[in-house]
N, C-alpha and C. Protein backbone atom coordinates (compact mmCIF):
# COMPACT_ATOMS: atom_id res chain seq x y z
N MET A 1 111.05 158.58 49.92
CA MET A 1 111.60 157.67 50.90
C MET A 1 112.12 156.38 50.28
N PRO A 2 112.12 156.22 48.96
CA PRO A 2 112.58 154.95 48.39
C PRO A 2 114.07 154.68 48.62
N ASP A 3 114.89 155.71 48.86
CA ASP A 3 116.31 155.49 49.08
C ASP A 3 116.63 155.12 50.52
N LYS A 4 115.65 155.25 51.40
CA LYS A 4 115.90 154.97 52.81
C LYS A 4 115.92 153.47 53.06
N MET A 5 116.89 153.05 53.84
CA MET A 5 117.07 151.64 54.18
C MET A 5 117.05 151.50 55.70
N THR A 6 116.74 150.31 56.16
CA THR A 6 116.72 150.07 57.59
C THR A 6 118.15 150.07 58.15
N TYR A 7 118.26 150.45 59.39
CA TYR A 7 119.52 150.40 60.10
C TYR A 7 119.23 150.10 61.56
N GLU A 8 120.27 149.75 62.28
CA GLU A 8 120.20 149.58 63.73
C GLU A 8 121.43 150.25 64.31
N TYR A 9 121.26 150.80 65.48
CA TYR A 9 122.41 151.39 66.17
C TYR A 9 122.31 151.07 67.65
N ALA A 10 123.45 151.17 68.31
CA ALA A 10 123.53 151.02 69.76
C ALA A 10 124.55 152.02 70.27
N VAL A 11 124.33 152.47 71.49
CA VAL A 11 125.24 153.41 72.13
C VAL A 11 126.29 152.61 72.88
N ILE A 12 127.55 152.96 72.68
CA ILE A 12 128.66 152.30 73.37
C ILE A 12 128.89 153.03 74.69
N ARG A 13 129.04 152.25 75.75
CA ARG A 13 129.16 152.82 77.09
C ARG A 13 130.37 152.27 77.83
N VAL A 14 130.93 153.11 78.69
CA VAL A 14 131.94 152.64 79.63
C VAL A 14 131.21 152.44 80.96
N VAL A 15 131.43 151.27 81.56
CA VAL A 15 130.76 150.89 82.80
C VAL A 15 131.86 150.53 83.81
N PRO A 16 132.30 151.51 84.60
CA PRO A 16 133.43 151.28 85.51
C PRO A 16 133.20 150.16 86.53
N ARG A 17 132.02 150.14 87.12
CA ARG A 17 131.68 149.11 88.10
C ARG A 17 130.36 148.49 87.68
N VAL A 18 130.45 147.34 87.08
CA VAL A 18 129.28 146.69 86.49
C VAL A 18 128.17 146.51 87.51
N GLU A 19 128.53 146.19 88.74
CA GLU A 19 127.52 145.93 89.77
C GLU A 19 126.69 147.17 90.11
N ARG A 20 127.21 148.36 89.83
CA ARG A 20 126.47 149.60 90.12
C ARG A 20 125.58 150.03 88.96
N GLU A 21 125.82 149.47 87.78
CA GLU A 21 125.05 149.77 86.57
C GLU A 21 125.09 151.24 86.18
N GLU A 22 126.16 151.93 86.55
CA GLU A 22 126.35 153.33 86.14
C GLU A 22 127.22 153.33 84.90
N PHE A 23 126.90 154.20 83.96
CA PHE A 23 127.66 154.21 82.72
C PHE A 23 127.76 155.61 82.15
N MET A 24 128.72 155.76 81.22
CA MET A 24 128.91 157.01 80.48
C MET A 24 128.95 156.65 78.99
N ASN A 25 128.19 157.36 78.19
CA ASN A 25 128.20 157.14 76.74
C ASN A 25 129.53 157.61 76.17
N ILE A 26 130.15 156.73 75.37
CA ILE A 26 131.43 157.11 74.75
C ILE A 26 131.45 156.89 73.25
N GLY A 27 130.39 156.30 72.69
CA GLY A 27 130.40 156.05 71.26
C GLY A 27 129.09 155.49 70.75
N VAL A 28 129.09 155.21 69.45
CA VAL A 28 127.92 154.65 68.77
C VAL A 28 128.40 153.64 67.74
N ILE A 29 127.64 152.57 67.57
CA ILE A 29 127.89 151.59 66.52
C ILE A 29 126.62 151.51 65.68
N LEU A 30 126.78 151.48 64.35
CA LEU A 30 125.63 151.49 63.45
C LEU A 30 125.80 150.43 62.38
N PHE A 31 124.70 149.73 62.08
CA PHE A 31 124.70 148.65 61.09
C PHE A 31 123.51 148.80 60.15
N SER A 32 123.76 148.71 58.84
CA SER A 32 122.71 148.67 57.84
C SER A 32 123.03 147.54 56.86
N LYS A 33 122.26 146.48 56.94
CA LYS A 33 122.50 145.32 56.08
C LYS A 33 122.36 145.68 54.60
N ARG A 34 121.29 146.38 54.25
CA ARG A 34 121.04 146.71 52.84
C ARG A 34 122.08 147.67 52.28
N LYS A 35 122.62 148.54 53.12
CA LYS A 35 123.67 149.47 52.68
C LYS A 35 125.07 148.85 52.84
N ARG A 36 125.10 147.63 53.39
CA ARG A 36 126.38 146.93 53.64
C ARG A 36 127.34 147.82 54.44
N TYR A 37 126.82 148.33 55.53
CA TYR A 37 127.59 149.27 56.35
C TYR A 37 127.61 148.81 57.80
N LEU A 38 128.78 148.79 58.38
CA LEU A 38 128.96 148.58 59.81
C LEU A 38 130.09 149.51 60.24
N GLY A 39 129.75 150.46 61.10
CA GLY A 39 130.76 151.42 61.54
C GLY A 39 130.55 151.80 62.99
N MET A 40 131.60 152.29 63.58
CA MET A 40 131.52 152.77 64.95
C MET A 40 132.35 154.03 65.08
N LYS A 41 131.95 154.84 66.03
CA LYS A 41 132.68 156.07 66.34
C LYS A 41 132.65 156.23 67.84
N TYR A 42 133.81 156.54 68.42
CA TYR A 42 133.86 156.73 69.86
C TYR A 42 134.89 157.79 70.20
N LYS A 43 134.80 158.24 71.44
CA LYS A 43 135.73 159.26 71.93
C LYS A 43 136.10 158.90 73.36
N ILE A 44 137.38 158.85 73.62
CA ILE A 44 137.85 158.63 74.98
C ILE A 44 138.28 159.99 75.54
N ASP A 45 137.39 160.60 76.28
CA ASP A 45 137.66 161.88 76.93
C ASP A 45 138.23 161.54 78.31
N GLU A 46 139.55 161.47 78.39
CA GLU A 46 140.20 160.99 79.61
C GLU A 46 139.79 161.79 80.85
N ALA A 47 139.73 163.10 80.74
CA ALA A 47 139.38 163.93 81.89
C ALA A 47 137.95 163.64 82.35
N ARG A 48 137.05 163.53 81.40
CA ARG A 48 135.65 163.27 81.73
C ARG A 48 135.47 161.88 82.34
N ILE A 49 136.13 160.89 81.75
CA ILE A 49 136.01 159.52 82.26
C ILE A 49 136.61 159.42 83.66
N THR A 50 137.75 160.05 83.88
CA THR A 50 138.40 160.02 85.19
C THR A 50 137.55 160.74 86.23
N ALA A 51 136.90 161.83 85.83
CA ALA A 51 136.00 162.52 86.76
C ALA A 51 134.80 161.65 87.11
N PHE A 52 134.34 160.85 86.14
CA PHE A 52 133.22 159.95 86.36
C PHE A 52 133.61 158.81 87.29
N SER A 53 134.81 158.26 87.07
CA SER A 53 135.29 157.16 87.91
C SER A 53 136.81 157.09 87.85
N LYS A 54 137.42 157.18 89.00
CA LYS A 54 138.88 157.07 89.07
C LYS A 54 139.34 155.62 88.93
N GLU A 55 138.39 154.69 88.93
CA GLU A 55 138.72 153.26 88.85
C GLU A 55 138.96 152.78 87.42
N VAL A 56 138.63 153.57 86.43
CA VAL A 56 138.76 153.13 85.03
C VAL A 56 140.23 153.09 84.64
N ASP A 57 140.66 151.95 84.15
CA ASP A 57 141.99 151.79 83.60
C ASP A 57 141.92 152.24 82.14
N LEU A 58 142.41 153.43 81.84
CA LEU A 58 142.26 154.01 80.51
C LEU A 58 142.98 153.19 79.44
N ASP A 59 144.11 152.59 79.77
CA ASP A 59 144.82 151.75 78.80
C ASP A 59 143.99 150.51 78.47
N GLN A 60 143.38 149.92 79.47
CA GLN A 60 142.52 148.76 79.25
C GLN A 60 141.31 149.16 78.40
N LEU A 61 140.72 150.31 78.69
CA LEU A 61 139.59 150.80 77.92
C LEU A 61 139.98 150.98 76.46
N LYS A 62 141.13 151.57 76.22
CA LYS A 62 141.61 151.76 74.84
C LYS A 62 141.80 150.43 74.14
N ASP A 63 142.34 149.43 74.85
CA ASP A 63 142.52 148.10 74.27
C ASP A 63 141.19 147.46 73.91
N TYR A 64 140.21 147.56 74.79
CA TYR A 64 138.88 147.02 74.51
C TYR A 64 138.29 147.66 73.26
N LEU A 65 138.35 148.98 73.19
CA LEU A 65 137.76 149.68 72.06
C LEU A 65 138.50 149.39 70.76
N GLN A 66 139.82 149.21 70.84
CA GLN A 66 140.59 148.83 69.66
C GLN A 66 140.13 147.46 69.16
N ALA A 67 139.90 146.53 70.08
CA ALA A 67 139.39 145.21 69.70
C ALA A 67 138.01 145.33 69.06
N TRP A 68 137.15 146.18 69.61
CA TRP A 68 135.82 146.39 69.01
C TRP A 68 135.96 146.93 67.59
N GLU A 69 136.88 147.88 67.39
CA GLU A 69 137.10 148.44 66.05
C GLU A 69 137.54 147.36 65.07
N GLU A 70 138.44 146.49 65.51
CA GLU A 70 138.94 145.43 64.63
C GLU A 70 137.83 144.46 64.26
N VAL A 71 136.98 144.10 65.22
CA VAL A 71 135.85 143.23 64.93
C VAL A 71 134.88 143.95 63.99
N CYS A 72 134.57 145.19 64.29
CA CYS A 72 133.64 145.98 63.49
C CYS A 72 134.11 146.06 62.04
N ALA A 73 135.38 146.29 61.83
CA ALA A 73 135.95 146.45 60.49
C ALA A 73 136.16 145.13 59.77
N GLY A 74 136.01 144.01 60.47
CA GLY A 74 136.28 142.73 59.84
C GLY A 74 137.76 142.50 59.62
N HIS A 75 138.58 143.15 60.42
CA HIS A 75 140.04 143.05 60.32
C HIS A 75 140.49 141.68 60.83
N PRO A 76 141.53 141.10 60.23
CA PRO A 76 142.03 139.81 60.72
C PRO A 76 142.39 139.82 62.21
N LYS A 77 142.82 140.98 62.75
CA LYS A 77 143.12 141.06 64.17
C LYS A 77 141.86 140.90 65.02
N GLY A 78 140.68 140.97 64.40
CA GLY A 78 139.41 140.76 65.09
C GLY A 78 139.13 139.31 65.39
N GLY A 79 140.06 138.44 65.02
CA GLY A 79 139.92 137.01 65.32
C GLY A 79 138.77 136.36 64.56
N ALA A 80 138.29 135.26 65.12
CA ALA A 80 137.23 134.50 64.46
C ALA A 80 135.95 135.32 64.31
N ILE A 81 135.64 136.15 65.30
CA ILE A 81 134.44 136.99 65.22
C ILE A 81 134.61 138.01 64.10
N GLY A 82 135.79 138.58 63.98
CA GLY A 82 136.05 139.57 62.95
C GLY A 82 135.94 139.03 61.54
N GLN A 83 135.98 137.72 61.38
CA GLN A 83 135.89 137.12 60.05
C GLN A 83 134.45 136.79 59.65
N GLN A 84 133.52 136.98 60.57
CA GLN A 84 132.11 136.71 60.28
C GLN A 84 131.50 137.85 59.46
N ASP A 85 130.27 137.65 58.97
CA ASP A 85 129.62 138.71 58.20
C ASP A 85 129.24 139.88 59.11
N GLN A 86 128.88 141.01 58.50
CA GLN A 86 128.61 142.22 59.26
C GLN A 86 127.49 142.04 60.28
N ALA A 87 126.42 141.37 59.90
CA ALA A 87 125.29 141.19 60.82
C ALA A 87 125.73 140.42 62.06
N TYR A 88 126.50 139.38 61.86
CA TYR A 88 126.98 138.59 63.00
C TYR A 88 127.87 139.44 63.90
N ARG A 89 128.77 140.21 63.29
CA ARG A 89 129.68 141.05 64.08
C ARG A 89 128.90 142.10 64.87
N PHE A 90 127.89 142.72 64.24
CA PHE A 90 127.07 143.71 64.96
C PHE A 90 126.36 143.05 66.14
N ARG A 91 125.76 141.88 65.91
CA ARG A 91 125.04 141.19 66.99
C ARG A 91 126.00 140.81 68.12
N TRP A 92 127.21 140.40 67.77
CA TRP A 92 128.20 140.03 68.79
C TRP A 92 128.61 141.26 69.59
N LEU A 93 128.87 142.37 68.92
CA LEU A 93 129.30 143.59 69.61
C LEU A 93 128.20 144.16 70.50
N THR A 94 126.95 143.98 70.12
CA THR A 94 125.85 144.56 70.90
C THR A 94 125.19 143.55 71.84
N ALA A 95 125.78 142.37 71.97
CA ALA A 95 125.23 141.37 72.91
C ALA A 95 125.43 141.84 74.35
N ASN A 96 124.54 141.41 75.22
CA ASN A 96 124.69 141.74 76.65
C ASN A 96 126.00 141.18 77.17
N ARG A 97 126.70 141.98 77.94
CA ARG A 97 127.96 141.53 78.54
C ARG A 97 128.18 142.26 79.86
N SER A 98 129.02 141.70 80.67
CA SER A 98 129.35 142.29 81.97
C SER A 98 130.81 142.70 81.98
N THR A 99 131.15 143.67 81.15
CA THR A 99 132.52 144.16 81.07
C THR A 99 132.51 145.68 81.15
N ILE A 100 133.68 146.25 81.14
CA ILE A 100 133.81 147.71 81.24
C ILE A 100 133.23 148.41 80.01
N VAL A 101 133.23 147.73 78.84
CA VAL A 101 132.64 148.30 77.63
C VAL A 101 131.38 147.50 77.28
N GLN A 102 130.26 148.20 77.22
CA GLN A 102 128.98 147.58 76.90
C GLN A 102 128.27 148.44 75.87
N SER A 103 127.14 147.95 75.40
CA SER A 103 126.32 148.76 74.51
C SER A 103 124.88 148.76 75.01
N SER A 104 124.14 149.76 74.55
CA SER A 104 122.71 149.76 74.81
C SER A 104 122.10 148.65 73.96
N ARG A 105 120.82 148.43 74.15
CA ARG A 105 120.16 147.51 73.23
C ARG A 105 120.07 148.20 71.88
N PRO A 106 120.04 147.44 70.78
CA PRO A 106 119.95 148.06 69.46
C PRO A 106 118.61 148.76 69.24
N HIS A 107 118.66 149.85 68.49
CA HIS A 107 117.48 150.63 68.13
C HIS A 107 117.39 150.68 66.61
N PRO A 108 116.20 150.49 66.03
CA PRO A 108 116.06 150.51 64.57
C PRO A 108 115.65 151.88 64.03
N GLY A 109 115.80 152.02 62.73
CA GLY A 109 115.35 153.23 62.06
C GLY A 109 115.52 153.11 60.57
N LEU A 110 115.29 154.22 59.86
CA LEU A 110 115.47 154.30 58.41
C LEU A 110 116.44 155.43 58.10
N CYS A 111 117.32 155.19 57.14
CA CYS A 111 118.26 156.24 56.74
C CYS A 111 118.67 156.03 55.29
N ASP A 112 119.25 157.06 54.70
CA ASP A 112 119.79 156.91 53.35
C ASP A 112 121.31 157.02 53.34
N ASN A 113 121.90 157.52 54.42
CA ASN A 113 123.36 157.66 54.48
C ASN A 113 123.83 157.24 55.88
N PRO A 114 124.16 155.96 56.05
CA PRO A 114 124.52 155.49 57.39
C PRO A 114 125.76 156.15 57.98
N GLU A 115 126.73 156.47 57.15
CA GLU A 115 127.94 157.10 57.68
C GLU A 115 127.63 158.49 58.25
N GLN A 116 126.81 159.24 57.55
CA GLN A 116 126.40 160.57 58.04
C GLN A 116 125.58 160.42 59.33
N LEU A 117 124.67 159.45 59.33
CA LEU A 117 123.83 159.23 60.50
C LEU A 117 124.67 158.83 61.71
N LEU A 118 125.70 158.03 61.49
CA LEU A 118 126.59 157.64 62.60
C LEU A 118 127.15 158.90 63.26
N GLY A 119 127.60 159.85 62.47
CA GLY A 119 128.12 161.11 63.03
C GLY A 119 127.06 161.89 63.78
N GLU A 120 125.84 161.92 63.24
CA GLU A 120 124.76 162.64 63.90
C GLU A 120 124.39 161.97 65.24
N LEU A 121 124.31 160.65 65.24
CA LEU A 121 124.00 159.93 66.48
C LEU A 121 125.11 160.13 67.51
N PHE A 122 126.35 160.11 67.05
CA PHE A 122 127.49 160.35 67.94
C PHE A 122 127.38 161.73 68.57
N ASP A 123 127.10 162.74 67.76
CA ASP A 123 126.95 164.10 68.28
C ASP A 123 125.82 164.19 69.31
N PHE A 124 124.74 163.47 69.06
CA PHE A 124 123.58 163.52 69.96
C PHE A 124 123.85 162.80 71.28
N TYR A 125 124.44 161.60 71.22
CA TYR A 125 124.60 160.79 72.43
C TYR A 125 125.92 160.98 73.17
N VAL A 126 126.94 161.46 72.48
CA VAL A 126 128.27 161.49 73.11
C VAL A 126 128.85 162.89 73.19
N ALA A 127 128.93 163.58 72.08
CA ALA A 127 129.65 164.86 72.02
C ALA A 127 129.05 165.94 72.89
């Protein structure tokens, strides 16, 4: 177990009507400080999301998730938040919010390959 490092992950959710607190899992974000890894994976299944709620503006959802990707990657298009270190960006992305895109609370664990684990968590929670 000496190669295993701590990580945190959160499930990314679409919340069509915040006041109802109903959501659908659409992705996962994973952070490992020691592995210097911050990544996210999501899927916009338009048919499934529309069946869940006809109120979701799919173009708006895509824009939100694109912004999350830019912040996650530390891309200049991520603005001031995107220029912060990985830990700050992860905390910002997983902070409580009342928008159409939210995340679960972060969950900790140990892993040796965060990129592989991101795919496994995505398959478990979303696919």
